[in-house]
Protein backbone atom coordinates (compact mmCIF):
# COMPACT_ATOMS: atom_id res chain seq x y z
CA MET A 1 14.67 5.09 -10.96
CA SER A 2 16.43 7.75 -13.00
CA GLU A 3 19.82 7.20 -14.56
CA PRO A 4 21.57 9.28 -11.85
CA ALA A 5 19.88 7.25 -9.10
CA GLN A 6 20.72 3.94 -10.71
CA ALA A 7 24.31 5.04 -11.24
CA LEU A 8 24.60 6.08 -7.60
CA ALA A 9 23.02 2.85 -6.35
CA LEU A 10 25.53 0.82 -8.32
CA ASP A 11 28.42 3.03 -7.25
CA ILE A 12 27.55 2.41 -3.58
CA ALA A 13 26.85 -1.29 -4.08
CA ARG A 14 30.20 -1.69 -5.83
CA CYS A 15 32.03 0.71 -3.54
CA LYS A 16 35.62 1.26 -4.62
CA GLU A 17 36.79 0.87 -1.02
CA LEU A 18 35.71 -2.79 -0.74
CA PRO A 19 38.78 -4.44 -2.33
CA LEU A 20 41.04 -2.03 -0.46
CA ALA A 21 39.39 -2.96 2.84
CA GLU A 22 39.66 -6.66 2.08
CA ALA A 23 43.37 -6.33 1.38
CA ASN A 24 44.34 -4.04 4.26
CA SER A 25 43.41 -4.78 7.88
CA LYS A 26 44.12 -1.15 8.83
CA HIS A 27 41.59 0.24 6.36
CA PRO A 28 38.70 2.06 8.14
CA CYS A 29 36.21 -0.35 6.58
CA ALA A 30 38.19 -3.54 7.19
CA MET A 31 36.21 -4.62 10.23
CA VAL A 32 32.74 -4.05 8.78
CA VAL A 33 33.76 -5.71 5.51
CA GLY A 34 35.14 -8.62 7.52
CA VAL A 35 31.76 -9.35 9.09
CA GLN A 36 30.84 -11.45 6.05
CA GLU A 37 32.74 -14.69 5.70
CA GLY A 38 34.60 -15.12 2.43
CA SER A 39 35.17 -12.40 -0.11
CA GLY A 40 34.58 -11.35 -3.67
CA ALA A 41 31.64 -12.42 -5.80
CA ALA A 42 29.59 -14.17 -3.09
CA ARG A 43 29.34 -11.17 -0.75
CA HIS A 44 26.16 -9.23 -0.03
CA VAL A 45 26.89 -5.82 -1.52
CA PRO A 46 26.52 -2.57 0.41
CA GLU A 47 22.90 -1.41 0.53
CA PRO A 48 22.41 2.04 -1.07
CA TRP A 49 18.89 2.57 0.28
CA ALA A 50 15.53 0.83 0.56
CA GLY A 51 12.38 2.50 -0.73
CA ASP A 52 11.71 5.30 -3.17
CA LEU A 53 14.62 7.71 -2.94
CA GLU A 54 13.44 10.02 -5.71
CA ARG A 55 9.78 10.39 -4.65
CA GLY A 56 9.70 9.67 -0.94
CA ARG A 57 8.48 12.54 1.23
CA ILE A 58 10.48 11.30 4.22
CA LEU A 59 14.08 10.11 4.42
CA PHE A 60 14.80 7.86 7.41
CA LEU A 61 18.49 7.68 8.32
CA SER A 62 19.84 4.90 10.52
CA SER A 63 23.31 3.64 11.32
CA ASN A 64 23.74 0.65 8.99
CA PRO A 65 21.75 -2.25 7.51
CA SER A 66 21.63 -5.65 9.16
CA LEU A 67 22.97 -8.79 7.50
CA SER A 68 20.55 -11.64 6.83
CA GLU A 69 21.95 -14.91 8.13
CA ALA A 70 20.41 -18.38 8.10
CA GLY A 71 18.91 -19.18 11.46
CA ASP A 72 18.38 -15.64 12.67
CA HIS A 73 14.93 -14.71 13.97
CA GLN A 74 13.79 -13.08 10.72
CA SER A 75 15.44 -15.17 8.01
CA GLY A 76 14.60 -18.63 9.29
CA ALA A 77 16.27 -21.44 7.37
CA SER A 78 17.00 -19.38 4.23
CA VAL A 79 18.77 -16.03 3.90
CA GLU A 80 17.52 -13.03 1.96
CA ARG A 81 17.80 -13.15 -1.82
CA TYR A 82 19.88 -10.01 -1.84
CA PRO A 83 22.32 -8.74 -4.49
CA LEU A 84 25.72 -10.41 -4.51
CA ALA A 85 28.82 -8.89 -6.03
CA GLU A 86 28.60 -11.44 -8.86
CA TRP A 87 25.20 -10.11 -10.02
CA SER A 88 25.07 -8.08 -13.21
CA ASN A 89 24.52 -4.33 -12.97
CA GLU A 90 21.15 -4.76 -14.69
CA ARG A 91 19.94 -7.34 -12.16
CA MET A 92 21.26 -5.34 -9.24
CA GLY A 93 19.66 -2.11 -10.47
CA ALA A 94 16.31 -3.86 -10.93
CA PHE A 95 16.46 -5.09 -7.34
CA PHE A 96 16.94 -1.62 -5.91
CA LEU A 97 14.38 -0.14 -8.33
CA ARG A 98 11.59 -2.59 -7.50
CA ARG A 99 12.48 -3.91 -4.08
CA PHE A 100 9.05 -3.51 -2.48
CA GLY A 101 5.98 -4.77 -4.30
CA ASN A 102 3.15 -7.27 -4.27
CA GLU A 103 4.23 -9.25 -7.34
CA ALA A 104 5.12 -12.91 -6.92
CA ASP A 105 8.81 -12.23 -7.56
CA SER A 106 9.15 -8.93 -5.66
CA PRO A 107 12.32 -8.88 -3.52
CA ALA A 108 10.27 -7.67 -0.53
CA THR A 109 6.71 -6.81 0.40
CA PRO A 110 5.51 -3.40 1.60
CA GLU A 111 4.39 -5.14 4.80
CA GLY A 112 7.99 -6.03 5.64
CA ARG A 113 8.89 -9.56 4.50
CA PHE A 114 11.79 -10.28 2.16
CA ARG A 115 12.23 -12.92 -0.52
CA THR A 116 14.59 -15.68 0.57
CA MET A 117 17.00 -17.79 -1.45
CA SER A 118 14.48 -20.64 -1.31
CA GLY A 119 11.95 -18.46 -3.17
CA GLY A 120 9.54 -17.96 -0.29
CA LEU A 121 9.14 -15.02 2.05
CA SER A 122 11.00 -14.50 5.29
CA ALA A 123 9.76 -16.27 8.38
CA ARG A 124 8.98 -12.97 10.03
CA LYS A 125 8.54 -9.37 9.01
CA VAL A 126 11.63 -7.20 9.37
CA ALA A 127 10.95 -5.37 12.63
CA PHE A 128 12.85 -2.27 11.51
CA TRP A 129 10.86 -1.97 8.28
CA VAL A 130 7.58 -2.43 10.15
CA GLY A 131 8.49 0.22 12.70
CA VAL A 132 9.56 2.75 10.05
CA ARG A 133 6.35 2.20 8.10
CA LYS A 134 4.27 2.92 11.20
CA ARG A 135 6.16 6.15 11.77
CA ALA A 136 5.72 7.19 8.11
CA GLN A 137 1.98 6.60 8.40
CA GLU A 138 1.94 8.61 11.61
CA LEU A 139 3.62 11.52 9.83
CA LEU A 140 1.57 11.38 6.63
CA ARG A 141 -1.71 10.57 8.42
CA ARG A 142 -2.56 7.89 5.87
CA GLU A 143 -1.40 4.51 4.64
CA ALA A 144 2.21 4.69 3.48
CA THR A 145 4.44 2.34 1.56
CA PRO A 146 8.18 2.28 0.84
CA GLU A 147 7.24 1.83 -2.82
CA ALA A 148 6.36 5.51 -3.10
CA ASP A 149 6.14 7.43 0.18
CA TYR A 150 9.45 7.20 1.99
CA CYS A 151 13.00 5.91 1.81
CA MET A 152 15.37 4.31 4.32
CA THR A 153 19.11 4.81 4.08
CA GLU A 154 22.14 4.58 6.36
CA VAL A 155 25.35 6.32 7.35
CA VAL A 156 27.31 3.11 6.67
CA HIS A 157 26.07 1.01 3.77
CA CYS A 158 27.91 -2.26 4.39
CA LYS A 159 25.80 -4.87 6.17
CA SER A 160 26.80 -5.89 9.66
CA LYS A 161 25.59 -7.58 12.82
CA ARG A 162 25.40 -5.78 16.17
CA GLU A 163 27.14 -2.71 14.70
CA ARG A 164 30.44 -4.52 14.27
CA GLY A 165 32.90 -2.28 12.40
CA VAL A 166 30.37 0.50 11.83
CA ALA A 167 32.01 3.12 14.02
CA GLY A 168 35.32 2.78 12.21
CA ALA A 169 33.77 3.00 8.76
CA SER A 170 31.29 5.79 9.39
CA ALA A 171 33.43 8.84 8.62
CA LEU A 172 34.71 7.51 5.30
CA CYS A 173 31.39 6.04 4.19
CA ALA A 174 29.52 9.25 5.00
CA ALA A 175 32.10 11.33 3.16
CA LEU A 176 31.82 9.14 0.08
CA HIS A 177 28.09 8.62 -0.15
CA LEU A 178 25.79 10.42 2.29
CA ASP A 179 25.52 13.81 0.62
CA ARG A 180 25.04 12.22 -2.80
CA VAL A 181 22.14 10.12 -1.52
CA ILE A 182 20.47 13.09 0.15
CA THR A 183 20.93 15.23 -2.96
CA LEU A 184 18.72 12.85 -4.98
CA SER A 185 15.99 12.90 -2.35
CA PRO A 186 13.20 15.52 -2.45
CA ALA A 187 12.34 14.83 1.20
CA ALA A 188 11.94 17.99 3.24
CA LEU A 189 12.03 15.87 6.40
CA ILE A 190 15.01 13.73 7.46
CA VAL A 191 14.45 11.50 10.49
CA VAL A 192 17.61 10.39 12.31
CA LEU A 193 16.81 7.04 13.90
CA GLY A 194 18.62 6.05 17.07
CA GLY A 195 21.63 7.15 19.04
CA LYS A 196 24.21 5.49 16.82
CA ALA A 197 23.10 7.37 13.70
CA ARG A 198 22.74 10.57 15.72
CA ASP A 199 26.30 10.31 17.04
CA ARG A 200 27.62 9.85 13.50
CA VAL A 201 25.84 12.82 11.88
CA GLN A 202 25.75 15.27 14.78
CA PRO A 203 29.26 16.62 14.12
CA LEU A 204 28.81 16.45 10.34
CA TRP A 205 25.66 18.55 10.39
CA GLU A 206 26.50 20.61 13.48
CA LEU A 207 23.28 19.55 15.18
CA PRO A 208 22.34 21.20 18.49
CA ALA A 209 23.84 20.07 21.77
CA GLY A 210 21.46 17.59 23.31
CA PHE A 211 20.02 16.57 19.93
CA GLY A 212 18.28 13.26 20.52
CA GLY A 213 19.12 13.18 24.22
CA ARG A 214 16.50 11.72 26.52
CA ALA A 215 16.42 14.82 28.71
CA SER A 216 15.80 17.12 25.76
CA MET A 217 13.10 14.86 24.33
CA LEU A 218 11.27 14.97 27.65
CA SER A 219 11.71 18.65 28.45
CA ASP A 220 12.58 20.53 25.24
CA PRO A 221 11.98 18.61 21.99
CA LEU A 222 12.97 21.68 19.99
CA ARG A 223 16.57 20.72 20.81
CA SER A 224 16.05 17.50 18.84
CA MET A 225 15.28 19.24 15.57
CA ALA A 226 17.14 21.59 13.28
CA VAL A 227 16.95 23.03 9.79
CA ARG A 228 20.01 22.32 7.71
CA THR A 229 20.86 22.78 4.04
CA LEU A 230 21.67 19.25 2.93
CA GLY A 231 21.92 18.12 -0.66
CA THR A 232 21.39 21.71 -1.90
CA ARG A 233 18.05 22.30 -0.14
CA ALA A 234 16.71 23.10 3.30
CA ARG A 235 15.63 20.05 5.33
CA LEU A 236 14.05 19.68 8.72
CA VAL A 237 16.19 17.16 10.62
CA VAL A 238 14.50 15.52 13.60
CA TYR A 239 15.49 12.75 15.98
CA LEU A 240 13.50 9.66 16.83
CA PRO A 241 14.63 6.66 18.89
CA HIS A 242 15.37 3.53 16.91
CA PRO A 243 12.12 1.66 16.17
CA THR A 244 13.47 -1.62 17.58
CA GLY A 245 15.24 -0.09 20.57
CA MET A 246 14.28 -0.10 24.25
CA GLU A 247 13.34 3.57 24.56
CA PRO A 248 9.66 3.75 25.65
CA LEU A 249 9.06 7.04 23.81
CA ARG A 250 9.32 6.05 20.15
CA THR A 251 6.59 7.93 18.29
CA PHE A 252 6.26 11.44 16.89
CA ASP A 253 2.99 11.88 18.75
CA GLN A 254 4.63 11.12 22.10
CA ILE A 255 7.68 13.31 21.63
CA TYR A 256 6.63 16.15 19.35
CA VAL A 257 2.93 16.38 18.48
CA SER A 258 1.84 16.22 22.12
CA ARG A 259 3.91 19.39 22.60
CA GLY A 260 2.41 21.20 19.63
CA LEU A 261 5.15 20.27 17.15
CA ASP A 262 3.51 18.49 14.23
CA VAL A 263 6.64 17.65 12.24
CA GLY A 264 4.44 15.69 9.83
CA ALA A 265 3.28 19.02 8.41
CA VAL A 266 6.67 19.26 6.68
CA ALA A 267 6.41 15.73 5.27
CA ARG A 268 2.86 16.43 4.06
CA GLY A 269 3.98 19.62 2.32
CA GLU A 270 1.84 21.87 4.53
CA GLN A 271 4.88 23.75 5.83
CA SER A 272 8.41 24.26 4.61
CA PRO A 273 11.30 23.41 6.92
CA THR A 274 12.10 27.10 7.43
CA SER A 275 8.49 28.10 8.16
CA PHE A 276 8.14 25.25 10.61
CA LEU A 277 11.40 26.06 12.39
CA PRO A 278 12.65 29.55 11.51
CA THR A 279 16.44 29.80 11.58
């Protein structure tokens, strides 16, 4: 991770709005910050991204990260060993730099399990991570890993459960952080995952009417893609249903490739965003 990326990761993780939101119930982020019991040093910090931001060919954008809690279906008896506000900047930066790996002390595995506070791995793989990896492999037509091939980030970086507080925080969080994250990414392809993320970025990026709508995905998938200059460069922005959602059409092959739109060509570097979808 370069110095700019590490500085940005720490800036998001130690977001200046956190103490303001804790102190003021009318702050836009107050509800999402209030999801975690307690305050201060013992809180899970906002998640800047997961994966390789500076090398990943694909940037997956979802609504917000989920909070690991003891007893949930993925954590089991022990929650994720995830950065707390009391961690040093060095320790926190190392976590985000080397989150996915096969070493004995890696915070998470490329296959989708995370290290728990007890020192073991999570009871189950994180379904979202597994689903995103499958879609990255579908696009790249080879094995793919978050260590090097793609990155996952969110509109709202604070962790939550069942989207609590996310809608209220989205405008401010996106204004503070989203463009800076995208600027550090070389990804020519941005995949907006799910209706919640779509609804939050559609007005920001002036995406087409019907972008990500079921009718357009079935009849005219071109309406669910657009070329936009984001983070100083042209990107192909496409929609895909959330990997853990109920929508039966959840793959690029089903929605795009079967209609002659191989969006993976942009991720593989075979086409530029503007040659794939002339503006």
